[in-house]
Amino acid sequence: MPYTIKWIDRGVYTKTTGKLTFNENIKYVGELYGDRRFEDIDFQISDLLEADMSDFNEESAKRIGEFDKISTVWNPKMKVAHIAIDPG
């Protein structure tokens, strides 16, 4: 799962390509949320348009949403947008 993290002004843009598994996603989110700049950003854009998310299901999406919700403890002003193709 190749990904890039680009810190820009008051936000962060991430792009994921290739096969994305839940465990790899958790590792990547840990890197993102563990960065000292995370507490100061206003937005996060997660570009998943080129990611293969075929292993994800509703439960996986809910668990990732829980991580995003927990992240608001460290940064309550941040807005999050995930951009992906709906396979269904």
N, C-alpha and C. Protein backbone atom coordinates (compact mmCIF):
# COMPACT_ATOMS: atom_id res chain seq x y z
N MET A 1 0.84 -1.17 0.00
CA MET A 1 0.00 0.00 0.00
C MET A 1 0.89 1.23 0.00
N PRO A 2 1.25 1.72 -1.16
CA PRO A 2 2.01 2.98 -1.19
C PRO A 2 1.12 4.15 -0.81
N TYR A 3 1.69 5.06 -0.04
CA TYR A 3 0.95 6.27 0.32
C TYR A 3 1.91 7.44 0.47
N THR A 4 1.36 8.63 0.32
CA THR A 4 2.13 9.84 0.55
C THR A 4 1.36 10.71 1.53
N ILE A 5 2.10 11.44 2.33
CA ILE A 5 1.53 12.40 3.27
C ILE A 5 2.16 13.75 2.95
N LYS A 6 1.33 14.73 2.61
CA LYS A 6 1.83 16.06 2.28
C LYS A 6 1.20 17.07 3.24
N TRP A 7 2.04 17.68 4.05
CA TRP A 7 1.59 18.71 4.98
C TRP A 7 1.55 20.04 4.25
N ILE A 8 0.40 20.70 4.25
CA ILE A 8 0.23 21.95 3.53
C ILE A 8 -0.44 22.98 4.44
N ASP A 9 0.19 24.12 4.59
CA ASP A 9 -0.35 25.21 5.40
C ASP A 9 -1.04 24.70 6.67
N ARG A 10 -2.34 24.77 6.70
CA ARG A 10 -3.12 24.39 7.88
C ARG A 10 -3.77 23.03 7.73
N GLY A 11 -3.21 22.17 6.87
CA GLY A 11 -3.84 20.87 6.66
C GLY A 11 -2.87 19.82 6.19
N VAL A 12 -3.44 18.66 5.89
CA VAL A 12 -2.65 17.55 5.39
C VAL A 12 -3.44 16.84 4.28
N TYR A 13 -2.72 16.48 3.22
CA TYR A 13 -3.30 15.75 2.09
C TYR A 13 -2.60 14.41 2.02
N THR A 14 -3.37 13.35 2.00
CA THR A 14 -2.79 12.02 1.87
C THR A 14 -3.35 11.34 0.63
N LYS A 15 -2.50 10.54 0.00
CA LYS A 15 -2.92 9.79 -1.19
C LYS A 15 -2.46 8.35 -1.03
N THR A 16 -3.41 7.44 -1.21
CA THR A 16 -3.13 6.01 -1.11
C THR A 16 -3.38 5.36 -2.45
N THR A 17 -2.47 4.49 -2.86
CA THR A 17 -2.64 3.74 -4.10
C THR A 17 -2.40 2.26 -3.82
N GLY A 18 -2.94 1.42 -4.67
CA GLY A 18 -2.73 -0.02 -4.51
C GLY A 18 -3.66 -0.63 -3.48
N LYS A 19 -3.35 -1.86 -3.12
CA LYS A 19 -4.18 -2.64 -2.20
C LYS A 19 -4.11 -2.05 -0.79
N LEU A 20 -5.25 -1.77 -0.22
CA LEU A 20 -5.34 -1.19 1.11
C LEU A 20 -6.02 -2.19 2.03
N THR A 21 -5.29 -2.62 3.05
CA THR A 21 -5.89 -3.52 4.05
C THR A 21 -6.15 -2.72 5.32
N PHE A 22 -7.00 -3.26 6.17
CA PHE A 22 -7.34 -2.57 7.41
C PHE A 22 -6.09 -2.36 8.27
N ASN A 23 -5.27 -3.41 8.44
CA ASN A 23 -4.08 -3.30 9.29
C ASN A 23 -3.07 -2.29 8.74
N GLU A 24 -2.88 -2.27 7.43
CA GLU A 24 -1.99 -1.27 6.85
C GLU A 24 -2.55 0.13 7.05
N ASN A 25 -3.86 0.26 6.95
CA ASN A 25 -4.48 1.56 7.16
C ASN A 25 -4.27 2.05 8.59
N ILE A 26 -4.38 1.16 9.55
CA ILE A 26 -4.17 1.53 10.95
C ILE A 26 -2.74 2.00 11.17
N LYS A 27 -1.78 1.31 10.56
CA LYS A 27 -0.37 1.71 10.68
C LYS A 27 -0.15 3.10 10.10
N TYR A 28 -0.72 3.36 8.94
CA TYR A 28 -0.59 4.64 8.27
C TYR A 28 -1.26 5.76 9.10
N VAL A 29 -2.44 5.48 9.64
CA VAL A 29 -3.15 6.46 10.47
C VAL A 29 -2.32 6.79 11.72
N GLY A 30 -1.67 5.78 12.30
CA GLY A 30 -0.81 6.01 13.45
C GLY A 30 0.33 6.96 13.13
N GLU A 31 0.91 6.80 11.94
CA GLU A 31 1.99 7.71 11.51
C GLU A 31 1.45 9.13 11.36
N LEU A 32 0.30 9.25 10.76
CA LEU A 32 -0.30 10.56 10.54
C LEU A 32 -0.66 11.23 11.86
N TYR A 33 -1.41 10.53 12.70
CA TYR A 33 -1.88 11.11 13.95
C TYR A 33 -0.75 11.29 14.97
N GLY A 34 0.35 10.55 14.79
CA GLY A 34 1.48 10.68 15.70
C GLY A 34 2.41 11.82 15.37
N ASP A 35 2.22 12.46 14.24
CA ASP A 35 3.08 13.56 13.84
C ASP A 35 2.77 14.80 14.68
N ARG A 36 3.80 15.52 15.10
CA ARG A 36 3.60 16.70 15.97
C ARG A 36 2.77 17.79 15.29
N ARG A 37 2.76 17.83 13.96
CA ARG A 37 1.99 18.85 13.23
C ARG A 37 0.49 18.60 13.27
N PHE A 38 0.10 17.37 13.60
CA PHE A 38 -1.30 16.98 13.56
C PHE A 38 -2.19 17.87 14.42
N GLU A 39 -1.72 18.25 15.59
CA GLU A 39 -2.53 19.02 16.53
C GLU A 39 -2.87 20.43 16.03
N ASP A 40 -2.12 20.93 15.04
CA ASP A 40 -2.30 22.30 14.59
C ASP A 40 -3.05 22.44 13.27
N ILE A 41 -3.45 21.33 12.65
CA ILE A 41 -4.08 21.45 11.33
C ILE A 41 -5.58 21.67 11.46
N ASP A 42 -6.15 22.24 10.40
CA ASP A 42 -7.59 22.50 10.35
C ASP A 42 -8.33 21.46 9.51
N PHE A 43 -7.61 20.78 8.60
CA PHE A 43 -8.30 19.81 7.74
C PHE A 43 -7.38 18.67 7.34
N GLN A 44 -8.01 17.57 6.98
CA GLN A 44 -7.33 16.40 6.45
C GLN A 44 -8.12 15.91 5.23
N ILE A 45 -7.43 15.80 4.09
CA ILE A 45 -8.05 15.24 2.89
C ILE A 45 -7.36 13.93 2.58
N SER A 46 -8.13 12.87 2.53
CA SER A 46 -7.61 11.53 2.27
C SER A 46 -8.09 11.06 0.90
N ASP A 47 -7.16 11.04 -0.06
CA ASP A 47 -7.46 10.67 -1.45
C ASP A 47 -7.29 9.16 -1.61
N LEU A 48 -8.41 8.47 -1.78
CA LEU A 48 -8.41 7.02 -1.94
C LEU A 48 -8.88 6.60 -3.34
N LEU A 49 -8.87 7.53 -4.28
CA LEU A 49 -9.40 7.26 -5.62
C LEU A 49 -8.63 6.16 -6.36
N GLU A 50 -7.34 6.00 -6.06
CA GLU A 50 -6.53 4.97 -6.72
C GLU A 50 -6.23 3.79 -5.80
N ALA A 51 -6.94 3.71 -4.70
CA ALA A 51 -6.73 2.61 -3.75
C ALA A 51 -7.70 1.46 -4.04
N ASP A 52 -7.21 0.26 -3.89
CA ASP A 52 -8.05 -0.94 -4.00
C ASP A 52 -8.54 -1.25 -2.59
N MET A 53 -9.80 -0.98 -2.34
CA MET A 53 -10.37 -1.17 -1.02
C MET A 53 -11.31 -2.37 -0.98
N SER A 54 -11.05 -3.35 -1.84
CA SER A 54 -11.95 -4.50 -1.96
C SER A 54 -12.03 -5.34 -0.69
N ASP A 55 -11.03 -5.24 0.19
CA ASP A 55 -11.06 -6.00 1.45
C ASP A 55 -11.87 -5.30 2.53
N PHE A 56 -12.28 -4.06 2.28
CA PHE A 56 -13.02 -3.31 3.29
C PHE A 56 -14.50 -3.67 3.25
N ASN A 57 -15.10 -3.62 4.43
CA ASN A 57 -16.54 -3.84 4.53
C ASN A 57 -17.10 -2.77 5.47
N GLU A 58 -18.37 -2.88 5.78
CA GLU A 58 -19.02 -1.87 6.63
C GLU A 58 -18.36 -1.80 8.01
N GLU A 59 -18.01 -2.94 8.56
CA GLU A 59 -17.38 -2.97 9.89
C GLU A 59 -16.02 -2.26 9.86
N SER A 60 -15.23 -2.50 8.81
CA SER A 60 -13.93 -1.82 8.68
C SER A 60 -14.12 -0.31 8.62
N ALA A 61 -15.08 0.13 7.83
CA ALA A 61 -15.35 1.56 7.70
C ALA A 61 -15.76 2.17 9.05
N LYS A 62 -16.58 1.46 9.80
CA LYS A 62 -16.99 1.97 11.12
C LYS A 62 -15.80 2.09 12.05
N ARG A 63 -14.91 1.11 12.03
CA ARG A 63 -13.74 1.15 12.92
C ARG A 63 -12.81 2.30 12.54
N ILE A 64 -12.64 2.54 11.25
CA ILE A 64 -11.81 3.67 10.82
C ILE A 64 -12.46 4.98 11.24
N GLY A 65 -13.77 5.06 11.13
CA GLY A 65 -14.50 6.23 11.59
C GLY A 65 -14.30 6.48 13.08
N GLU A 66 -14.19 5.41 13.85
CA GLU A 66 -13.93 5.55 15.29
C GLU A 66 -12.56 6.17 15.53
N PHE A 67 -11.56 5.77 14.74
CA PHE A 67 -10.23 6.38 14.87
C PHE A 67 -10.28 7.87 14.54
N ASP A 68 -11.03 8.22 13.49
CA ASP A 68 -11.16 9.63 13.14
C ASP A 68 -11.84 10.40 14.27
N LYS A 69 -12.84 9.78 14.87
CA LYS A 69 -13.54 10.43 15.98
C LYS A 69 -12.61 10.62 17.18
N ILE A 70 -11.81 9.60 17.49
CA ILE A 70 -10.86 9.68 18.60
C ILE A 70 -9.83 10.78 18.34
N SER A 71 -9.46 10.97 17.07
CA SER A 71 -8.46 11.98 16.74
C SER A 71 -8.93 13.38 17.11
N THR A 72 -10.24 13.57 17.23
CA THR A 72 -10.75 14.89 17.60
C THR A 72 -10.42 15.26 19.04
N VAL A 73 -9.99 14.29 19.85
CA VAL A 73 -9.53 14.58 21.20
C VAL A 73 -8.26 15.44 21.12
N TRP A 74 -7.36 15.09 20.18
CA TRP A 74 -6.12 15.84 20.01
C TRP A 74 -6.31 17.10 19.19
N ASN A 75 -7.30 17.07 18.28
CA ASN A 75 -7.51 18.22 17.41
C ASN A 75 -9.01 18.36 17.12
N PRO A 76 -9.75 19.00 18.02
CA PRO A 76 -11.20 19.09 17.86
C PRO A 76 -11.68 19.98 16.71
N LYS A 77 -10.83 20.85 16.19
CA LYS A 77 -11.26 21.75 15.11
C LYS A 77 -11.07 21.15 13.72
N MET A 78 -10.35 20.05 13.61
CA MET A 78 -10.02 19.47 12.31
C MET A 78 -11.25 18.85 11.63
N LYS A 79 -11.36 19.11 10.33
CA LYS A 79 -12.39 18.49 9.49
C LYS A 79 -11.71 17.43 8.65
N VAL A 80 -12.40 16.31 8.42
CA VAL A 80 -11.83 15.18 7.67
C VAL A 80 -12.71 14.88 6.46
N ALA A 81 -12.06 14.68 5.31
CA ALA A 81 -12.77 14.26 4.10
C ALA A 81 -12.03 13.07 3.50
N HIS A 82 -12.76 11.99 3.26
CA HIS A 82 -12.22 10.81 2.57
C HIS A 82 -12.84 10.80 1.18
N ILE A 83 -12.01 10.75 0.16
CA ILE A 83 -12.49 10.74 -1.22
C ILE A 83 -12.22 9.36 -1.79
N ALA A 84 -13.29 8.66 -2.17
CA ALA A 84 -13.14 7.30 -2.67
C ALA A 84 -14.23 7.00 -3.69
N ILE A 85 -14.03 5.95 -4.45
CA ILE A 85 -15.02 5.49 -5.41
C ILE A 85 -15.90 4.45 -4.72
N ASP A 86 -17.20 4.59 -4.86
CA ASP A 86 -18.14 3.63 -4.29
C ASP A 86 -18.23 2.45 -5.26
N PRO A 87 -17.72 1.27 -4.86
CA PRO A 87 -17.70 0.12 -5.77
C PRO A 87 -19.09 -0.48 -5.99
N GLY A 88 -20.06 -0.11 -5.16
CA GLY A 88 -21.37 -0.73 -5.26
C GLY A 88 -22.29 0.13 -5.99
